[in-house]
């Protein structure tokens, strides 16, 4: 019983770490990059294709990677 409780406690701690990494790496970071890239596109110094690649490729692949990472840890 105590072993199971310790194991679940470790798993919850690990999930908390993964949640923080997800928020910083795939929510706040890309949001900042999208805002900056949008301003740069408006000014004409950045490509709209790069912005589209971030939104439609990098964020979904990163989210899928986190799903697999959590699945492998559980």
N, C-alpha and C. Protein backbone atom coordinates (compact mmCIF):
# COMPACT_ATOMS: atom_id res chain seq x y z
N UNK A 1 0.82 -1.19 0.00
CA UNK A 1 0.00 0.00 0.00
C UNK A 1 0.88 1.26 0.00
N UNK A 2 1.88 1.25 0.84
CA UNK A 2 2.79 2.40 0.92
C UNK A 2 3.60 2.55 -0.37
N UNK A 3 3.98 1.42 -0.96
CA UNK A 3 4.72 1.45 -2.23
C UNK A 3 3.87 2.07 -3.33
N UNK A 4 2.61 1.69 -3.39
CA UNK A 4 1.70 2.24 -4.41
C UNK A 4 1.51 3.74 -4.20
N UNK A 5 1.36 4.15 -2.96
CA UNK A 5 1.19 5.58 -2.66
C UNK A 5 2.42 6.37 -3.09
N UNK A 6 3.61 5.85 -2.83
CA UNK A 6 4.85 6.52 -3.24
C UNK A 6 4.95 6.57 -4.75
N UNK A 7 4.56 5.46 -5.41
CA UNK A 7 4.62 5.41 -6.88
C UNK A 7 3.68 6.44 -7.50
N UNK A 8 2.45 6.54 -6.96
CA UNK A 8 1.50 7.53 -7.47
C UNK A 8 1.97 8.95 -7.18
N UNK A 9 2.58 9.15 -6.03
CA UNK A 9 3.12 10.48 -5.71
C UNK A 9 4.22 10.89 -6.67
N UNK A 10 5.10 9.95 -7.00
CA UNK A 10 6.15 10.24 -7.99
C UNK A 10 5.56 10.53 -9.36
N UNK A 11 4.52 9.78 -9.73
CA UNK A 11 3.88 9.99 -11.03
C UNK A 11 3.21 11.36 -11.10
N UNK A 12 2.55 11.76 -10.03
CA UNK A 12 1.90 13.07 -10.00
C UNK A 12 2.94 14.19 -10.07
N UNK A 13 4.05 14.02 -9.39
CA UNK A 13 5.13 15.00 -9.46
C UNK A 13 5.67 15.12 -10.88
N UNK A 14 5.84 13.97 -11.54
CA UNK A 14 6.33 13.97 -12.92
C UNK A 14 5.31 14.63 -13.85
N UNK A 15 4.01 14.35 -13.64
CA UNK A 15 2.98 14.98 -14.47
C UNK A 15 2.97 16.50 -14.27
N UNK A 16 3.22 16.95 -13.05
CA UNK A 16 3.31 18.39 -12.79
C UNK A 16 4.45 19.02 -13.56
N UNK A 17 5.58 18.34 -13.60
CA UNK A 17 6.73 18.83 -14.36
C UNK A 17 6.41 18.86 -15.86
N UNK A 18 5.79 17.80 -16.36
CA UNK A 18 5.40 17.77 -17.78
C UNK A 18 4.40 18.88 -18.10
N UNK A 19 3.48 19.14 -17.18
CA UNK A 19 2.49 20.20 -17.40
C UNK A 19 3.17 21.56 -17.51
N UNK A 20 4.13 21.82 -16.65
CA UNK A 20 4.86 23.09 -16.72
C UNK A 20 5.65 23.20 -18.02
N UNK A 21 6.31 22.12 -18.42
CA UNK A 21 7.05 22.13 -19.68
C UNK A 21 6.12 22.36 -20.87
N UNK A 22 4.94 21.74 -20.83
CA UNK A 22 3.98 21.90 -21.92
C UNK A 22 3.50 23.35 -22.01
N UNK A 23 3.15 23.93 -20.88
CA UNK A 23 2.65 25.30 -20.89
C UNK A 23 3.71 26.27 -21.40
N UNK A 24 4.94 26.11 -20.94
CA UNK A 24 6.01 27.01 -21.38
C UNK A 24 6.40 26.72 -22.82
N UNK A 25 6.57 25.45 -23.16
CA UNK A 25 7.10 25.08 -24.47
C UNK A 25 6.10 25.10 -25.60
N UNK A 26 4.84 24.80 -25.31
CA UNK A 26 3.87 24.68 -26.40
C UNK A 26 2.64 25.58 -26.27
N UNK A 27 2.62 26.44 -25.26
CA UNK A 27 1.53 27.41 -25.15
C UNK A 27 2.10 28.82 -25.12
N UNK A 28 2.86 29.14 -24.10
CA UNK A 28 3.37 30.51 -23.95
C UNK A 28 4.45 30.84 -24.97
N UNK A 29 5.37 29.91 -25.19
CA UNK A 29 6.45 30.16 -26.16
C UNK A 29 5.94 30.38 -27.58
N UNK A 30 5.16 29.44 -28.11
CA UNK A 30 4.62 29.65 -29.46
C UNK A 30 3.69 30.86 -29.56
N UNK A 31 2.96 31.15 -28.48
CA UNK A 31 2.10 32.33 -28.51
C UNK A 31 2.92 33.60 -28.68
N UNK A 32 4.02 33.68 -27.95
CA UNK A 32 4.92 34.83 -28.08
C UNK A 32 5.51 34.88 -29.49
N UNK A 33 5.94 33.73 -29.99
CA UNK A 33 6.53 33.68 -31.33
C UNK A 33 5.50 34.07 -32.39
N UNK A 34 4.26 33.61 -32.24
CA UNK A 34 3.21 33.95 -33.21
C UNK A 34 2.92 35.45 -33.19
N UNK A 35 2.87 36.04 -32.02
CA UNK A 35 2.63 37.49 -31.94
C UNK A 35 3.77 38.26 -32.60
N UNK A 36 5.00 37.90 -32.29
CA UNK A 36 6.16 38.59 -32.88
C UNK A 36 6.20 38.38 -34.39
N UNK A 37 5.96 37.13 -34.83
CA UNK A 37 5.97 36.85 -36.27
C UNK A 37 4.84 37.58 -36.99
N UNK A 38 3.68 37.71 -36.34
CA UNK A 38 2.57 38.45 -36.96
C UNK A 38 2.94 39.91 -37.16
N UNK A 39 3.57 40.50 -36.18
CA UNK A 39 4.01 41.89 -36.31
C UNK A 39 5.06 42.00 -37.41
N UNK A 40 5.99 41.05 -37.45
CA UNK A 40 7.02 41.08 -38.49
C UNK A 40 6.41 40.88 -39.88
N UNK A 41 5.39 40.03 -39.99
CA UNK A 41 4.71 39.85 -41.29
C UNK A 41 4.01 41.14 -41.70
N UNK A 42 3.41 41.82 -40.72
CA UNK A 42 2.74 43.07 -41.00
C UNK A 42 3.72 44.12 -41.50
N UNK A 43 4.92 44.11 -40.95
CA UNK A 43 5.94 45.07 -41.37
C UNK A 43 6.66 44.63 -42.63
N UNK A 44 6.48 43.38 -43.03
CA UNK A 44 7.04 42.91 -44.29
C UNK A 44 8.39 42.24 -44.19
N UNK A 45 8.86 41.96 -42.98
CA UNK A 45 10.19 41.37 -42.87
C UNK A 45 10.18 39.88 -42.54
N UNK A 46 9.01 39.27 -42.47
CA UNK A 46 8.94 37.83 -42.17
C UNK A 46 7.99 37.15 -43.14
N UNK A 47 8.17 35.86 -43.26
CA UNK A 47 7.37 35.07 -44.18
C UNK A 47 6.13 34.53 -43.48
N UNK A 48 5.01 34.58 -44.17
CA UNK A 48 3.77 34.02 -43.64
C UNK A 48 3.84 32.50 -43.58
N UNK A 49 4.66 31.90 -44.43
CA UNK A 49 4.81 30.44 -44.43
C UNK A 49 5.45 29.96 -43.13
N UNK A 50 6.38 30.72 -42.59
CA UNK A 50 7.00 30.35 -41.31
C UNK A 50 5.97 30.38 -40.19
N UNK A 51 5.14 31.39 -40.18
CA UNK A 51 4.08 31.49 -39.19
C UNK A 51 3.10 30.33 -39.32
N UNK A 52 2.74 30.00 -40.53
CA UNK A 52 1.83 28.87 -40.76
C UNK A 52 2.47 27.55 -40.34
N UNK A 53 3.76 27.39 -40.57
CA UNK A 53 4.45 26.16 -40.16
C UNK A 53 4.44 26.01 -38.65
N UNK A 54 4.63 27.10 -37.94
CA UNK A 54 4.59 27.03 -36.47
C UNK A 54 3.20 26.62 -36.00
N UNK A 55 2.18 27.23 -36.56
CA UNK A 55 0.81 26.98 -36.10
C UNK A 55 0.31 25.60 -36.51
N UNK A 56 0.57 25.19 -37.74
CA UNK A 56 -0.03 23.97 -38.26
C UNK A 56 0.85 22.73 -38.19
N UNK A 57 2.15 22.90 -37.92
CA UNK A 57 3.04 21.73 -37.89
C UNK A 57 3.72 21.57 -36.53
N UNK A 58 4.41 22.60 -36.07
CA UNK A 58 5.23 22.47 -34.88
C UNK A 58 4.40 22.27 -33.62
N UNK A 59 3.35 23.06 -33.42
CA UNK A 59 2.53 22.93 -32.22
C UNK A 59 1.81 21.58 -32.17
N UNK A 60 1.15 21.12 -33.25
CA UNK A 60 0.51 19.79 -33.17
C UNK A 60 1.51 18.65 -32.98
N UNK A 61 2.67 18.72 -33.63
CA UNK A 61 3.67 17.66 -33.45
C UNK A 61 4.21 17.67 -32.02
N UNK A 62 4.42 18.83 -31.47
CA UNK A 62 4.87 18.92 -30.08
C UNK A 62 3.84 18.37 -29.11
N UNK A 63 2.58 18.66 -29.35
CA UNK A 63 1.51 18.13 -28.50
C UNK A 63 1.43 16.61 -28.61
N UNK A 64 1.56 16.10 -29.81
CA UNK A 64 1.56 14.65 -30.01
C UNK A 64 2.76 14.02 -29.30
N UNK A 65 3.89 14.66 -29.37
CA UNK A 65 5.07 14.17 -28.67
C UNK A 65 4.86 14.11 -27.17
N UNK A 66 4.21 15.12 -26.61
CA UNK A 66 3.93 15.10 -25.18
C UNK A 66 2.95 13.98 -24.82
N UNK A 67 1.98 13.72 -25.67
CA UNK A 67 1.05 12.62 -25.42
C UNK A 67 1.80 11.30 -25.37
N UNK A 68 2.70 11.07 -26.32
CA UNK A 68 3.49 9.84 -26.31
C UNK A 68 4.43 9.78 -25.11
N UNK A 69 5.02 10.91 -24.74
CA UNK A 69 5.91 10.95 -23.59
C UNK A 69 5.18 10.57 -22.30
N UNK A 70 4.00 11.13 -22.11
CA UNK A 70 3.22 10.80 -20.92
C UNK A 70 2.75 9.35 -20.97
N UNK A 71 2.37 8.89 -22.14
CA UNK A 71 1.96 7.49 -22.28
C UNK A 71 3.09 6.51 -21.98
N UNK A 72 4.30 6.86 -22.35
CA UNK A 72 5.44 5.99 -22.08
C UNK A 72 5.79 5.97 -20.59
N UNK A 73 5.53 7.07 -19.90
CA UNK A 73 5.88 7.16 -18.48
C UNK A 73 4.86 6.48 -17.57
N UNK A 74 3.63 6.31 -18.06
CA UNK A 74 2.60 5.72 -17.19
C UNK A 74 2.54 4.22 -17.30
